């Protein structure tokens, strides 16, 4: 099953070739994967409509179907393709096999599929795989963790979150924007890199102190358990 994608693009330029090039860049398509559907003269140049001969989302669906069939995992797939990524939503039984412990299998699968798909295309588009709403549930769990951290910080402590992957840290930095008066910052290297939560000064809107790792103490919080997230999102 397939979803929505950018099927065509209209572009205007001084020459037909320039207009086609603009449309292809916007669609992140190679010329061989496109069809010029119309060329119309307009004041100052030409207007073209370029269509995708075959969407990139459809290609990813076919590639994933091949992987899952060989793994013996029955799935139903559909895609939503935007200008900067290809999102694949997955439904079916045994989605835990796709996710793996802490999302490790899912992360590896995304890396492999993205590499295979993008090697023959102009303009890199990452493939994001979302089995059974895993992404949404993961974000909810991260938001709950940030909320608990902010409550602890409000009591006068500076809090460090459990160590987590780069993608999760990035989400935390986005989520903290939903909590006025608090900020986040990452410190550390490699697997020891973690996010710290702190309050903002009431008078100037800046951090209340120059934040350094040694300034923070670990809060008494429940660690983020990604296995619990996997189990929860797989419950019928």
Protein backbone atom coordinates (compact mmCIF):
# COMPACT_ATOMS: atom_id res chain seq x y z
CA UNK A 1 0.00 0.00 0.00
CA UNK A 2 1.30 3.44 -0.80
CA UNK A 3 0.60 6.89 0.54
CA UNK A 4 1.18 10.43 -0.60
CA UNK A 5 4.19 11.92 -2.32
CA UNK A 6 5.21 14.88 -4.44
CA UNK A 7 3.99 13.58 -7.81
CA UNK A 8 4.63 16.72 -9.88
CA UNK A 9 6.15 20.17 -9.74
CA UNK A 10 5.54 23.34 -11.77
CA UNK A 11 8.48 25.65 -12.37
CA UNK A 12 9.08 28.87 -14.30
CA UNK A 13 12.38 30.06 -15.77
CA UNK A 14 13.82 31.83 -18.79
CA UNK A 15 14.44 28.59 -20.67
CA UNK A 16 12.83 25.16 -20.70
CA UNK A 17 16.04 23.51 -19.55
CA UNK A 18 16.39 25.85 -16.56
CA UNK A 19 12.75 25.33 -15.56
CA UNK A 20 13.11 21.55 -15.71
CA UNK A 21 16.27 21.73 -13.62
CA UNK A 22 14.46 23.80 -10.96
CA UNK A 23 11.58 21.31 -10.81
CA UNK A 24 13.93 18.33 -10.54
CA UNK A 25 15.84 19.95 -7.67
CA UNK A 26 12.63 20.70 -5.78
CA UNK A 27 11.48 17.10 -6.23
CA UNK A 28 14.96 15.71 -5.59
CA UNK A 29 14.67 13.61 -8.72
CA UNK A 30 17.11 12.56 -11.38
CA UNK A 31 16.08 13.39 -14.95
CA UNK A 32 15.80 9.70 -15.84
CA UNK A 33 13.13 9.29 -13.14
CA UNK A 34 10.94 12.11 -14.47
CA UNK A 35 8.53 13.00 -17.27
CA UNK A 36 8.10 16.52 -18.66
CA UNK A 37 4.31 16.67 -18.95
CA UNK A 38 3.86 20.21 -20.33
CA UNK A 39 5.80 23.24 -21.54
CA UNK A 40 3.95 26.58 -21.79
CA UNK A 41 5.30 29.98 -22.79
CA UNK A 42 4.69 32.66 -20.17
CA UNK A 43 5.82 36.31 -19.93
CA UNK A 44 9.58 36.31 -19.46
CA UNK A 45 10.12 32.61 -20.07
CA UNK A 46 8.49 29.18 -19.93
CA UNK A 47 6.48 27.18 -17.41
CA UNK A 48 6.96 23.43 -17.20
CA UNK A 49 5.28 20.65 -15.30
CA UNK A 50 7.55 17.76 -14.35
CA UNK A 51 6.10 14.52 -13.00
CA UNK A 52 7.75 11.64 -11.20
CA UNK A 53 7.85 8.60 -13.44
CA UNK A 54 7.97 6.45 -10.30
CA UNK A 55 7.95 7.75 -6.76
CA UNK A 56 10.87 7.12 -4.45
CA UNK A 57 8.45 6.04 -1.75
CA UNK A 58 7.26 3.19 -3.98
CA UNK A 59 10.85 2.08 -4.47
CA UNK A 60 11.41 1.94 -0.71
CA UNK A 61 8.18 -0.05 -0.25
CA UNK A 62 9.39 -2.65 -2.75
CA UNK A 63 12.79 -2.83 -1.09
CA UNK A 64 11.33 -3.28 2.38
CA UNK A 65 8.86 -5.91 1.15
CA UNK A 66 11.82 -7.89 -0.16
CA UNK A 67 13.59 -7.65 3.23
CA UNK A 68 10.53 -8.56 5.29
CA UNK A 69 9.51 -11.46 3.05
CA UNK A 70 12.97 -12.97 3.41
CA UNK A 71 12.78 -12.52 7.18
CA UNK A 72 9.38 -14.20 7.24
CA UNK A 73 7.70 -11.12 8.73
CA UNK A 74 4.23 -10.30 7.40
CA UNK A 75 3.66 -6.55 7.16
CA UNK A 76 1.52 -3.92 5.48
CA UNK A 77 3.37 -0.79 4.40
CA UNK A 78 2.47 2.67 3.22
CA UNK A 79 4.57 5.75 2.74
CA UNK A 80 4.42 9.52 3.14
CA UNK A 81 7.11 11.20 1.09
CA UNK A 82 8.11 14.80 1.78
CA UNK A 83 10.90 16.96 0.38
CA UNK A 84 13.37 15.89 3.09
CA UNK A 85 12.48 12.29 4.04
CA UNK A 86 10.49 9.15 3.24
CA UNK A 87 8.34 7.95 6.15
CA UNK A 88 7.27 4.31 6.06
CA UNK A 89 4.44 3.30 8.41
CA UNK A 90 4.36 -0.42 9.19
CA UNK A 91 1.52 -2.55 10.58
CA UNK A 92 1.35 -6.26 11.27
CA UNK A 93 2.20 -8.89 13.89
CA UNK A 94 5.63 -9.40 15.47
CA UNK A 95 6.75 -5.81 14.96
CA UNK A 96 9.12 -6.29 17.88
CA UNK A 97 11.38 -8.22 15.50
CA UNK A 98 11.70 -5.06 13.40
CA UNK A 99 12.28 -2.77 16.39
CA UNK A 100 14.74 -4.88 18.40
CA UNK A 101 16.06 -4.11 21.87
CA UNK A 102 16.06 -0.38 22.47
CA UNK A 103 15.26 0.17 18.78
CA UNK A 104 18.68 -1.15 17.68
CA UNK A 105 17.34 -3.37 14.88
CA UNK A 106 15.12 -0.58 13.57
CA UNK A 107 18.02 1.88 13.54
CA UNK A 108 20.23 -0.56 11.63
CA UNK A 109 17.44 -1.31 9.14
CA UNK A 110 16.90 2.39 8.45
CA UNK A 111 20.62 2.88 7.85
CA UNK A 112 20.78 -0.02 5.39
CA UNK A 113 17.60 0.88 3.48
CA UNK A 114 18.58 4.57 3.27
CA UNK A 115 22.02 3.66 1.90
CA UNK A 116 20.67 1.24 -0.72
CA UNK A 117 17.88 3.57 -1.85
CA UNK A 118 19.94 6.77 -2.07
CA UNK A 119 22.90 5.37 -3.97
CA UNK A 120 21.00 5.71 -7.28
CA UNK A 121 19.34 9.08 -6.61
CA UNK A 122 20.30 12.73 -6.70
CA UNK A 123 19.53 14.41 -3.37
CA UNK A 124 19.77 12.31 -0.20
CA UNK A 125 16.46 11.43 1.47
CA UNK A 126 16.63 9.47 4.72
CA UNK A 127 14.18 6.63 5.19
CA UNK A 128 12.30 6.72 8.51
CA UNK A 129 10.52 3.49 9.47
CA UNK A 130 7.64 3.68 11.95
CA UNK A 131 6.42 0.23 13.09
CA UNK A 132 3.04 0.36 14.84
CA UNK A 133 3.34 3.97 15.97
CA UNK A 134 6.71 3.37 17.65
CA UNK A 135 7.95 6.89 16.85
CA UNK A 136 4.93 8.57 18.42
CA UNK A 137 5.10 6.41 21.56
CA UNK A 138 8.82 7.01 21.89
CA UNK A 139 8.26 10.77 21.78
CA UNK A 140 5.52 10.52 24.43
CA UNK A 141 7.90 8.61 26.70
CA UNK A 142 10.64 11.21 26.17
CA UNK A 143 8.20 14.03 26.91
CA UNK A 144 7.15 12.31 30.13
CA UNK A 145 10.81 12.00 31.11
CA UNK A 146 11.47 15.68 30.39
CA UNK A 147 8.39 16.67 32.39
CA UNK A 148 9.62 14.73 35.43
CA UNK A 149 13.05 16.32 35.02
CA UNK A 150 11.55 19.83 34.90
CA UNK A 151 9.54 19.12 38.05
CA UNK A 152 12.72 18.07 39.83
CA UNK A 153 14.62 21.12 38.54
CA UNK A 154 11.79 23.37 39.74
CA UNK A 155 12.55 22.11 43.25
CA UNK A 156 16.04 23.56 43.06
CA UNK A 157 18.12 20.73 41.60
CA UNK A 158 19.98 20.51 38.29
CA UNK A 159 19.22 17.23 36.62
CA UNK A 160 20.95 14.94 34.14
CA UNK A 161 18.87 12.55 32.05
CA UNK A 162 19.88 8.94 31.41
CA UNK A 163 22.34 8.42 28.56
CA UNK A 164 20.54 8.04 25.23
CA UNK A 165 21.14 7.95 21.50
CA UNK A 166 21.76 11.08 19.44
CA UNK A 167 18.29 10.96 17.84
CA UNK A 168 16.66 10.86 21.29
CA UNK A 169 18.83 13.70 22.61
CA UNK A 170 17.80 15.80 19.62
CA UNK A 171 14.15 15.14 20.41
CA UNK A 172 14.69 16.16 24.03
CA UNK A 173 16.13 19.50 22.89
CA UNK A 174 12.99 20.00 20.80
CA UNK A 175 10.59 18.86 23.53
CA UNK A 176 12.08 21.19 26.16
CA UNK A 177 10.71 24.12 24.14
CA UNK A 178 7.25 23.06 25.37
CA UNK A 179 8.36 23.80 28.95
CA UNK A 180 8.82 27.57 29.40
CA UNK A 181 11.54 28.53 31.85
CA UNK A 182 13.71 25.47 31.24
CA UNK A 183 16.59 24.67 28.91
CA UNK A 184 18.62 21.61 27.93
CA UNK A 185 22.25 21.10 26.98
CA UNK A 186 24.32 18.05 26.06
CA UNK A 187 27.65 17.22 27.66
CA UNK A 188 30.06 14.31 27.44
CA UNK A 189 31.50 12.13 24.70
CA UNK A 190 30.43 8.94 22.97
CA UNK A 191 28.15 6.63 24.94
CA UNK A 192 28.57 8.84 28.03
CA UNK A 193 27.03 11.90 26.35
CA UNK A 194 23.84 12.96 28.10
CA UNK A 195 21.34 15.80 28.35
CA UNK A 196 21.18 18.18 31.33
CA UNK A 197 18.05 20.15 32.25
CA UNK A 198 18.26 23.51 34.04
CA UNK A 199 16.18 26.59 34.82
CA UNK A 200 16.37 29.94 33.07
CA UNK A 201 17.05 33.10 35.03
CA UNK A 202 13.88 35.10 35.67
CA UNK A 203 15.47 38.48 34.99
CA UNK A 204 17.33 38.14 31.69
CA UNK A 205 16.02 34.96 30.08
CA UNK A 206 19.50 33.42 30.09
CA UNK A 207 20.77 30.38 31.94
CA UNK A 208 21.04 31.07 35.65
CA UNK A 209 24.67 29.92 35.72
CA UNK A 210 27.38 28.98 33.26
CA UNK A 211 26.43 25.35 32.76
CA UNK A 212 29.18 22.78 33.10
CA UNK A 213 28.86 19.02 33.64
CA UNK A 214 30.18 19.28 37.20
CA UNK A 215 27.42 21.73 38.11
CA UNK A 216 24.73 19.07 37.67
CA UNK A 217 23.65 16.22 39.88
CA UNK A 218 21.72 13.17 38.77
CA UNK A 219 18.08 13.52 39.69
CA UNK A 220 16.10 10.76 41.36
CA UNK A 221 14.27 9.78 38.18
CA UNK A 222 12.96 6.65 36.52
CA UNK A 223 15.32 5.81 33.63
CA UNK A 224 13.86 5.80 30.13
CA UNK A 225 13.22 2.13 29.28
CA UNK A 226 13.01 1.80 25.50
CA UNK A 227 12.03 -1.87 25.85
CA UNK A 228 8.90 -0.81 27.74
CA UNK A 229 8.11 1.56 24.87
CA UNK A 230 8.46 -1.28 22.35
CA UNK A 231 6.16 -3.55 24.33
CA UNK A 232 3.55 -0.86 24.90
CA UNK A 233 3.23 0.10 21.24
CA UNK A 234 2.84 -3.53 20.21
CA UNK A 235 -0.15 -4.12 22.51
CA UNK A 236 -3.26 -4.72 20.35
